[in-house]
Amino acid sequence: MTAHLITTPVAAGIHLRCGTPVIVGVAEGLLARVDLTPLNRAGEIHALIAGLQTYTLTRHGLIHRDAGRIAGTSLAKAGPVLAQHTCRRQIPAEHRANTPPPARVATTGNCPF
């Protein structure tokens, strides 16, 4: 096993130049710094046209999305699609993925066990 194409777990960080929260990790041997906003299909297309790399966030780390992975179905439900970070870039609302609100767990005063 070589250490050239490693993928590491991600970590939350702050971009030093602009102060924006980002996710940082090594994706298949390359340092990746991505925005926190998940993209829909149109958002990914616009990011790629702008020259940005896109990644899928999984529980193991970031996976670089190349043409085969974008066209295929292997990463369809693996996790959100995130774009490479660029300072002062605003993601329009129509390019953001629709994420359901977190499920609320009903709490009672009774101990569950």
C-alpha atoms as a PDB file:
ATOM      1  CA  MET A   1       0.000   0.000   0.000  1.00  0.00           C
ATOM      2  CA  THR A   2       1.391   3.371  -0.960  1.00  0.00           C
ATOM      3  CA  ALA A   3       0.592   6.687   0.653  1.00  0.00           C
ATOM      4  CA  HIS A   4       0.211   8.558  -2.637  1.00  0.00           C
ATOM      5  CA  LEU A   5      -3.530   8.271  -3.190  1.00  0.00           C
ATOM      6  CA  ILE A   6      -4.725   8.394   0.389  1.00  0.00           C
ATOM      7  CA  THR A   7      -8.031   9.830   1.534  1.00  0.00           C
ATOM      8  CA  THR A   8      -8.128  11.175   5.064  1.00  0.00           C
ATOM      9  CA  PRO A   9     -11.026  11.992   7.360  1.00  0.00           C
ATOM     10  CA  VAL A  10     -12.159  15.578   7.015  1.00  0.00           C
ATOM     11  CA  ALA A  11     -11.829  18.327   9.572  1.00  0.00           C
ATOM     12  CA  ALA A  12     -13.654  21.604   9.992  1.00  0.00           C
ATOM     13  CA  GLY A  13     -11.514  24.655   9.605  1.00  0.00           C
ATOM     14  CA  ILE A  14     -11.459  28.358   8.911  1.00  0.00           C
ATOM     15  CA  HIS A  15      -9.941  29.622   5.669  1.00  0.00           C
ATOM     16  CA  LEU A  16      -7.070  31.872   6.691  1.00  0.00           C
ATOM     17  CA  ARG A  17      -7.502  34.425   3.907  1.00  0.00           C
ATOM     18  CA  CYS A  18     -11.244  35.110   4.112  1.00  0.00           C
ATOM     19  CA  GLY A  19     -12.318  33.605   7.469  1.00  0.00           C
ATOM     20  CA  THR A  20     -15.013  31.386   5.927  1.00  0.00           C
ATOM     21  CA  PRO A  21     -15.744  28.002   7.542  1.00  0.00           C
ATOM     22  CA  VAL A  22     -14.548  25.184   5.267  1.00  0.00           C
ATOM     23  CA  ILE A  23     -14.048  21.428   5.286  1.00  0.00           C
ATOM     24  CA  VAL A  24     -10.459  20.288   4.758  1.00  0.00           C
ATOM     25  CA  GLY A  25      -9.143  16.840   3.923  1.00  0.00           C
ATOM     26  CA  VAL A  26      -6.953  14.879   1.553  1.00  0.00           C
ATOM     27  CA  ALA A  27      -9.021  13.422  -1.293  1.00  0.00           C
ATOM     28  CA  GLU A  28      -7.201  10.721  -3.220  1.00  0.00           C
ATOM     29  CA  GLY A  29      -3.814  12.256  -2.539  1.00  0.00           C
ATOM     30  CA  LEU A  30      -4.735  15.899  -3.140  1.00  0.00           C
ATOM     31  CA  LEU A  31      -5.492  18.517  -0.499  1.00  0.00           C
ATOM     32  CA  ALA A  32      -9.140  19.556  -0.766  1.00  0.00           C
ATOM     33  CA  ARG A  33     -10.691  22.628   0.830  1.00  0.00           C
ATOM     34  CA  VAL A  34     -14.448  22.798   0.188  1.00  0.00           C
ATOM     35  CA  ASP A  35     -17.383  25.041   1.049  1.00  0.00           C
ATOM     36  CA  LEU A  36     -20.031  23.800   3.480  1.00  0.00           C
ATOM     37  CA  THR A  37     -23.004  24.425   1.172  1.00  0.00           C
ATOM     38  CA  PRO A  38     -24.221  21.270  -0.630  1.00  0.00           C
ATOM     39  CA  LEU A  39     -24.919  21.700  -4.342  1.00  0.00           C
ATOM     40  CA  ASN A  40     -27.689  20.383  -6.558  1.00  0.00           C
ATOM     41  CA  ARG A  41     -27.037  19.226 -10.148  1.00  0.00           C
ATOM     42  CA  ALA A  42     -27.218  22.774 -11.589  1.00  0.00           C
ATOM     43  CA  GLY A  43     -24.899  24.051  -8.872  1.00  0.00           C
ATOM     44  CA  GLU A  44     -22.341  21.357  -9.657  1.00  0.00           C
ATOM     45  CA  ILE A  45     -22.471  22.187 -13.366  1.00  0.00           C
ATOM     46  CA  HIS A  46     -21.916  25.880 -12.654  1.00  0.00           C
ATOM     47  CA  ALA A  47     -19.031  25.094 -10.301  1.00  0.00           C
ATOM     48  CA  LEU A  48     -17.369  22.909 -12.938  1.00  0.00           C
ATOM     49  CA  ILE A  49     -17.835  25.583 -15.625  1.00  0.00           C
ATOM     50  CA  ALA A  50     -16.205  28.066 -13.241  1.00  0.00           C
ATOM     51  CA  GLY A  51     -13.183  25.752 -13.056  1.00  0.00           C
ATOM     52  CA  LEU A  52     -13.812  24.447  -9.537  1.00  0.00           C
ATOM     53  CA  GLN A  53     -13.404  20.826  -8.485  1.00  0.00           C
ATOM     54  CA  THR A  54     -16.357  19.062  -6.864  1.00  0.00           C
ATOM     55  CA  TYR A  55     -16.315  16.389  -4.171  1.00  0.00           C
ATOM     56  CA  THR A  56     -18.713  13.993  -2.488  1.00  0.00           C
ATOM     57  CA  LEU A  57     -18.554  14.038   1.294  1.00  0.00           C
ATOM     58  CA  THR A  58     -18.715  10.534   2.774  1.00  0.00           C
ATOM     59  CA  ARG A  59     -18.141   9.281   6.288  1.00  0.00           C
ATOM     60  CA  HIS A  60     -14.621   8.246   5.226  1.00  0.00           C
ATOM     61  CA  GLY A  61     -13.638  11.569   3.660  1.00  0.00           C
ATOM     62  CA  LEU A  62     -13.948  13.519   0.433  1.00  0.00           C
ATOM     63  CA  ILE A  63     -14.159  11.761  -2.937  1.00  0.00           C
ATOM     64  CA  HIS A  64     -13.158  13.718  -6.033  1.00  0.00           C
ATOM     65  CA  ARG A  65     -15.928  13.749  -8.644  1.00  0.00           C
ATOM     66  CA  ASP A  66     -14.582  13.171 -12.129  1.00  0.00           C
ATOM     67  CA  ALA A  67     -16.682  12.752 -15.295  1.00  0.00           C
ATOM     68  CA  GLY A  68     -17.250   9.039 -14.718  1.00  0.00           C
ATOM     69  CA  ARG A  69     -18.352   9.502 -11.126  1.00  0.00           C
ATOM     70  CA  ILE A  70     -20.643  12.413 -12.014  1.00  0.00           C
ATOM     71  CA  ALA A  71     -22.333  10.450 -14.813  1.00  0.00           C
ATOM     72  CA  GLY A  72     -22.520   7.194 -12.854  1.00  0.00           C
ATOM     73  CA  THR A  73     -24.750   6.215  -9.994  1.00  0.00           C
ATOM     74  CA  SER A  74     -22.151   4.922  -7.527  1.00  0.00           C
ATOM     75  CA  LEU A  75     -22.026   8.207  -5.584  1.00  0.00           C
ATOM     76  CA  ALA A  76     -25.672   9.208  -6.074  1.00  0.00           C
ATOM     77  CA  LYS A  77     -26.617   8.632  -2.430  1.00  0.00           C
ATOM     78  CA  ALA A  78     -23.182   8.540  -0.835  1.00  0.00           C
ATOM     79  CA  GLY A  79     -23.336  12.095   0.488  1.00  0.00           C
ATOM     80  CA  PRO A  80     -23.659  15.753  -0.417  1.00  0.00           C
ATOM     81  CA  VAL A  81     -21.804  17.304  -3.350  1.00  0.00           C
ATOM     82  CA  LEU A  82     -19.497  20.137  -2.270  1.00  0.00           C
ATOM     83  CA  ALA A  83     -17.480  22.563  -4.390  1.00  0.00           C
ATOM     84  CA  GLN A  84     -13.876  23.643  -3.987  1.00  0.00           C
ATOM     85  CA  HIS A  85     -13.637  26.777  -1.862  1.00  0.00           C
ATOM     86  CA  THR A  86     -12.920  30.117  -3.432  1.00  0.00           C
ATOM     87  CA  CYS A  87     -12.909  33.275  -1.359  1.00  0.00           C
ATOM     88  CA  ARG A  88     -15.927  35.575  -1.503  1.00  0.00           C
ATOM     89  CA  ARG A  89     -17.968  33.265  -3.771  1.00  0.00           C
ATOM     90  CA  GLN A  90     -21.677  33.291  -3.020  1.00  0.00           C
ATOM     91  CA  ILE A  91     -23.719  30.220  -3.933  1.00  0.00           C
ATOM     92  CA  PRO A  92     -27.150  31.228  -5.296  1.00  0.00           C
ATOM     93  CA  ALA A  93     -30.202  29.656  -3.668  1.00  0.00           C
ATOM     94  CA  GLU A  94     -31.160  27.873  -6.898  1.00  0.00           C
ATOM     95  CA  HIS A  95     -27.804  26.033  -6.862  1.00  0.00           C
ATOM     96  CA  ARG A  96     -28.137  24.734  -3.317  1.00  0.00           C
ATOM     97  CA  ALA A  97     -29.293  21.200  -2.637  1.00  0.00           C
ATOM     98  CA  ASN A  98     -32.582  20.795  -0.846  1.00  0.00           C
ATOM     99  CA  THR A  99     -31.727  19.256   2.464  1.00  0.00           C
ATOM    100  CA  PRO A 100     -34.525  18.130   4.760  1.00  0.00           C
ATOM    101  CA  PRO A 101     -34.609  19.691   8.205  1.00  0.00           C
ATOM    102  CA  PRO A 102     -33.199  17.507  10.961  1.00  0.00           C
ATOM    103  CA  ALA A 103     -35.717  15.140  12.509  1.00  0.00           C
ATOM    104  CA  ARG A 104     -36.906  16.191  15.902  1.00  0.00           C
ATOM    105  CA  VAL A 105     -36.884  13.535  18.560  1.00  0.00           C
ATOM    106  CA  ALA A 106     -39.745  13.740  20.991  1.00  0.00           C
ATOM    107  CA  THR A 107     -38.413  13.852  24.521  1.00  0.00           C
ATOM    108  CA  THR A 108     -40.354  12.913  27.572  1.00  0.00           C
ATOM    109  CA  GLY A 109     -39.532  13.086  31.213  1.00  0.00           C
ATOM    110  CA  ASN A 110     -39.411   9.291  31.420  1.00  0.00           C
ATOM    111  CA  CYS A 111     -36.140   7.443  31.350  1.00  0.00           C
ATOM    112  CA  PRO A 112     -36.055   5.149  28.269  1.00  0.00           C
ATOM    113  CA  PHE A 113     -34.517   2.224  30.161  1.00  0.00           C
END
